N, C-alpha and C. Protein backbone atom coordinates (compact mmCIF):
# COMPACT_ATOMS: atom_id res chain seq x y z
N MET A 1 18.84 -28.18 -21.12
CA MET A 1 18.68 -29.25 -20.16
C MET A 1 18.48 -28.60 -18.69
N LYS A 2 17.60 -29.02 -18.07
CA LYS A 2 17.17 -28.60 -16.83
C LYS A 2 18.10 -29.00 -15.76
N LYS A 3 18.67 -28.08 -14.83
CA LYS A 3 19.49 -28.54 -13.82
C LYS A 3 18.69 -29.13 -12.60
N GLU A 4 19.41 -30.12 -12.11
CA GLU A 4 18.86 -30.91 -11.01
C GLU A 4 19.02 -30.07 -9.68
N ILE A 5 18.03 -30.02 -8.91
CA ILE A 5 18.11 -29.29 -7.63
C ILE A 5 18.43 -30.33 -6.53
N SER A 6 19.61 -30.09 -5.80
CA SER A 6 20.05 -31.05 -4.80
C SER A 6 19.14 -31.12 -3.79
N THR A 7 19.28 -32.14 -2.93
CA THR A 7 18.41 -32.35 -1.76
C THR A 7 18.68 -31.22 -0.66
N THR A 8 19.75 -30.48 -0.81
CA THR A 8 19.99 -29.34 0.14
C THR A 8 19.53 -28.02 -0.27
N THR A 9 19.01 -28.02 -1.61
CA THR A 9 18.57 -26.73 -2.13
C THR A 9 16.99 -26.80 -2.34
N LYS A 10 16.31 -25.78 -1.92
CA LYS A 10 14.89 -25.77 -2.12
C LYS A 10 14.49 -24.48 -2.46
N ILE A 11 13.28 -24.35 -2.96
CA ILE A 11 12.64 -22.93 -3.18
C ILE A 11 11.59 -22.87 -2.05
N ALA A 12 11.65 -21.62 -1.34
CA ALA A 12 10.63 -21.33 -0.35
C ALA A 12 9.77 -20.44 -0.91
N VAL A 13 8.56 -20.41 -0.51
CA VAL A 13 7.42 -19.44 -1.04
C VAL A 13 7.14 -18.42 0.15
N PHE A 14 7.20 -17.13 -0.05
CA PHE A 14 6.92 -16.21 0.80
C PHE A 14 6.11 -15.07 0.21
N ARG A 15 5.01 -14.75 0.73
CA ARG A 15 4.05 -13.81 0.03
C ARG A 15 3.85 -14.11 -1.50
N LYS A 16 3.71 -15.44 -1.85
CA LYS A 16 3.50 -15.84 -3.11
C LYS A 16 4.65 -15.51 -4.02
N LYS A 17 5.89 -15.25 -3.57
CA LYS A 17 7.01 -15.18 -4.21
C LYS A 17 8.06 -16.20 -4.04
N GLU A 18 8.75 -16.66 -4.97
CA GLU A 18 9.86 -17.74 -4.80
C GLU A 18 11.09 -17.10 -4.08
N VAL A 19 11.58 -17.78 -3.05
CA VAL A 19 12.81 -17.35 -2.59
C VAL A 19 13.86 -18.50 -2.56
N ARG A 20 14.89 -18.37 -3.17
CA ARG A 20 15.95 -19.57 -3.28
C ARG A 20 16.49 -19.57 -2.00
N ARG A 21 16.79 -20.86 -1.52
CA ARG A 21 17.56 -21.14 -0.36
C ARG A 21 18.39 -22.44 -0.46
N THR A 22 19.38 -22.53 0.39
CA THR A 22 20.22 -23.69 0.42
C THR A 22 20.81 -23.95 1.74
N ILE A 23 21.25 -25.15 2.04
CA ILE A 23 21.81 -25.40 3.24
C ILE A 23 23.33 -25.29 3.12
N TYR A 24 23.95 -24.52 4.09
CA TYR A 24 25.43 -24.32 4.09
C TYR A 24 25.84 -24.52 5.54
N LYS A 25 26.69 -25.50 5.72
CA LYS A 25 27.18 -25.76 7.14
C LYS A 25 26.09 -25.91 8.07
N ASN A 26 25.13 -26.65 7.61
CA ASN A 26 23.85 -27.03 8.52
C ASN A 26 22.96 -25.77 8.76
N GLU A 27 23.18 -24.78 7.94
CA GLU A 27 22.30 -23.60 8.29
C GLU A 27 21.56 -23.27 6.88
N TRP A 28 20.28 -22.85 6.90
CA TRP A 28 19.68 -22.39 5.76
C TRP A 28 20.12 -20.89 5.34
N TRP A 29 20.49 -20.82 4.15
CA TRP A 29 20.87 -19.42 3.60
C TRP A 29 19.98 -19.14 2.55
N PHE A 30 19.41 -17.91 2.65
CA PHE A 30 18.33 -17.32 1.68
C PHE A 30 18.96 -16.45 0.61
N SER A 31 18.53 -16.24 -0.57
CA SER A 31 18.77 -15.34 -1.46
C SER A 31 18.30 -13.94 -1.02
N VAL A 32 19.16 -13.05 -0.84
CA VAL A 32 18.88 -11.68 -0.31
C VAL A 32 18.04 -10.87 -1.38
N ILE A 33 18.43 -11.07 -2.64
CA ILE A 33 17.65 -10.43 -3.75
C ILE A 33 16.23 -11.00 -3.74
N ASP A 34 16.08 -12.29 -3.65
CA ASP A 34 14.75 -12.82 -3.80
C ASP A 34 13.91 -12.28 -2.46
N ALA A 35 14.53 -12.20 -1.35
CA ALA A 35 13.94 -11.55 -0.11
C ALA A 35 13.47 -10.22 -0.34
N CYS A 36 14.44 -9.51 -0.81
CA CYS A 36 14.06 -8.03 -1.08
C CYS A 36 12.90 -7.96 -2.00
N GLU A 37 12.82 -8.69 -3.02
CA GLU A 37 11.67 -8.61 -3.94
C GLU A 37 10.49 -9.08 -3.25
N ALA A 38 10.42 -10.10 -2.44
CA ALA A 38 9.22 -10.55 -1.69
C ALA A 38 8.80 -9.49 -0.69
N LEU A 39 9.75 -8.83 0.00
CA LEU A 39 9.38 -7.90 1.01
C LEU A 39 9.00 -6.53 0.44
N THR A 40 9.45 -6.16 -0.62
CA THR A 40 9.37 -4.80 -1.05
C THR A 40 8.49 -4.62 -2.35
N ASP A 41 8.35 -5.62 -3.15
CA ASP A 41 7.73 -5.59 -4.42
C ASP A 41 8.50 -4.71 -5.42
N SER A 42 9.75 -4.51 -5.10
CA SER A 42 10.58 -3.72 -6.01
C SER A 42 10.57 -4.30 -7.52
N VAL A 43 10.53 -3.40 -8.37
CA VAL A 43 10.69 -3.92 -9.96
C VAL A 43 12.08 -4.25 -10.23
N ASP A 44 13.11 -3.89 -9.31
CA ASP A 44 14.57 -4.28 -9.49
C ASP A 44 15.08 -4.43 -8.29
N PRO A 45 14.87 -5.72 -7.70
CA PRO A 45 15.30 -6.01 -6.36
C PRO A 45 16.87 -5.96 -6.11
N GLY A 46 17.62 -6.20 -7.35
CA GLY A 46 19.05 -6.13 -7.23
C GLY A 46 19.54 -4.78 -7.06
N ALA A 47 18.93 -3.80 -7.69
CA ALA A 47 19.25 -2.38 -7.48
C ALA A 47 18.83 -1.84 -6.05
N TYR A 48 17.65 -2.57 -5.58
CA TYR A 48 17.33 -2.21 -4.24
C TYR A 48 18.47 -2.61 -3.22
N TRP A 49 18.81 -3.94 -3.40
CA TRP A 49 19.79 -4.55 -2.55
C TRP A 49 21.11 -3.56 -2.54
N ARG A 50 21.55 -3.29 -3.67
CA ARG A 50 22.85 -2.53 -3.94
C ARG A 50 22.64 -1.23 -3.23
N LYS A 51 21.52 -0.58 -3.30
CA LYS A 51 21.35 0.77 -2.65
C LYS A 51 21.31 0.66 -1.12
N LEU A 52 20.71 -0.43 -0.74
CA LEU A 52 20.58 -0.65 0.71
C LEU A 52 22.00 -0.95 1.28
N LYS A 53 22.75 -1.76 0.55
CA LYS A 53 24.16 -2.00 1.08
C LYS A 53 24.94 -0.71 1.06
N GLN A 54 24.72 0.18 0.05
CA GLN A 54 25.53 1.37 0.06
C GLN A 54 25.13 2.35 1.28
N ARG A 55 23.82 2.36 1.56
CA ARG A 55 23.40 3.14 2.67
C ARG A 55 23.93 2.58 4.05
N LEU A 56 23.99 1.28 4.09
CA LEU A 56 24.36 0.70 5.34
C LEU A 56 25.93 0.86 5.55
N LYS A 57 26.61 0.89 4.41
CA LYS A 57 28.03 1.17 4.49
C LYS A 57 28.36 2.51 4.92
N GLU A 58 27.49 3.51 4.40
CA GLU A 58 27.64 4.96 4.82
C GLU A 58 27.39 5.11 6.36
N GLU A 59 26.55 4.26 6.94
CA GLU A 59 26.20 4.27 8.33
C GLU A 59 27.16 3.46 9.10
N LYS A 60 28.21 2.91 8.53
CA LYS A 60 29.19 2.10 9.13
C LYS A 60 28.73 0.79 9.64
N SER A 61 27.58 0.19 9.01
CA SER A 61 27.15 -1.12 9.30
C SER A 61 27.87 -2.12 8.43
N GLU A 62 28.03 -3.27 9.10
CA GLU A 62 28.66 -4.33 8.34
C GLU A 62 27.71 -5.19 7.55
N VAL A 63 27.94 -5.28 6.23
CA VAL A 63 27.21 -6.09 5.28
C VAL A 63 28.21 -7.03 4.60
N VAL A 64 27.92 -8.30 4.64
CA VAL A 64 28.83 -9.27 4.14
C VAL A 64 28.01 -9.94 3.08
N THR A 65 28.67 -9.95 1.76
CA THR A 65 28.12 -10.79 0.61
C THR A 65 29.08 -11.84 0.28
N ILE A 66 28.67 -13.14 0.40
CA ILE A 66 29.66 -14.21 0.08
C ILE A 66 29.59 -14.38 -1.45
N ARG A 67 28.32 -14.32 -1.98
CA ARG A 67 28.26 -14.60 -3.41
C ARG A 67 27.33 -13.51 -4.05
N ARG A 68 27.62 -13.27 -5.24
CA ARG A 68 26.68 -12.26 -5.90
C ARG A 68 25.29 -12.86 -6.11
N CYS A 69 25.29 -14.12 -6.35
CA CYS A 69 23.95 -14.70 -6.58
C CYS A 69 23.92 -16.22 -6.30
N LEU A 70 22.82 -16.75 -6.01
CA LEU A 70 22.72 -18.28 -5.89
C LEU A 70 22.58 -18.84 -7.20
N SER A 71 23.44 -19.93 -7.49
CA SER A 71 23.31 -20.60 -8.68
C SER A 71 22.72 -22.12 -8.53
N PHE A 72 21.62 -22.41 -9.19
CA PHE A 72 21.16 -23.72 -8.90
C PHE A 72 21.20 -24.57 -10.28
């Protein structure tokens, strides 16, 4: 059975790649994994994001992940 997409959840297209997004507290939130894939053409955008978070942590930069993935 196909899941219904709510009116606050949409798919954006960037560089011909789908990027999941949703509205949370009146702001658009985008899937970081999808954005990494669209921007880098990585074959494993999840690994790319994990490595980027690791490097940012080593540089003492703050990275916050509320959820591991968007579920629609």
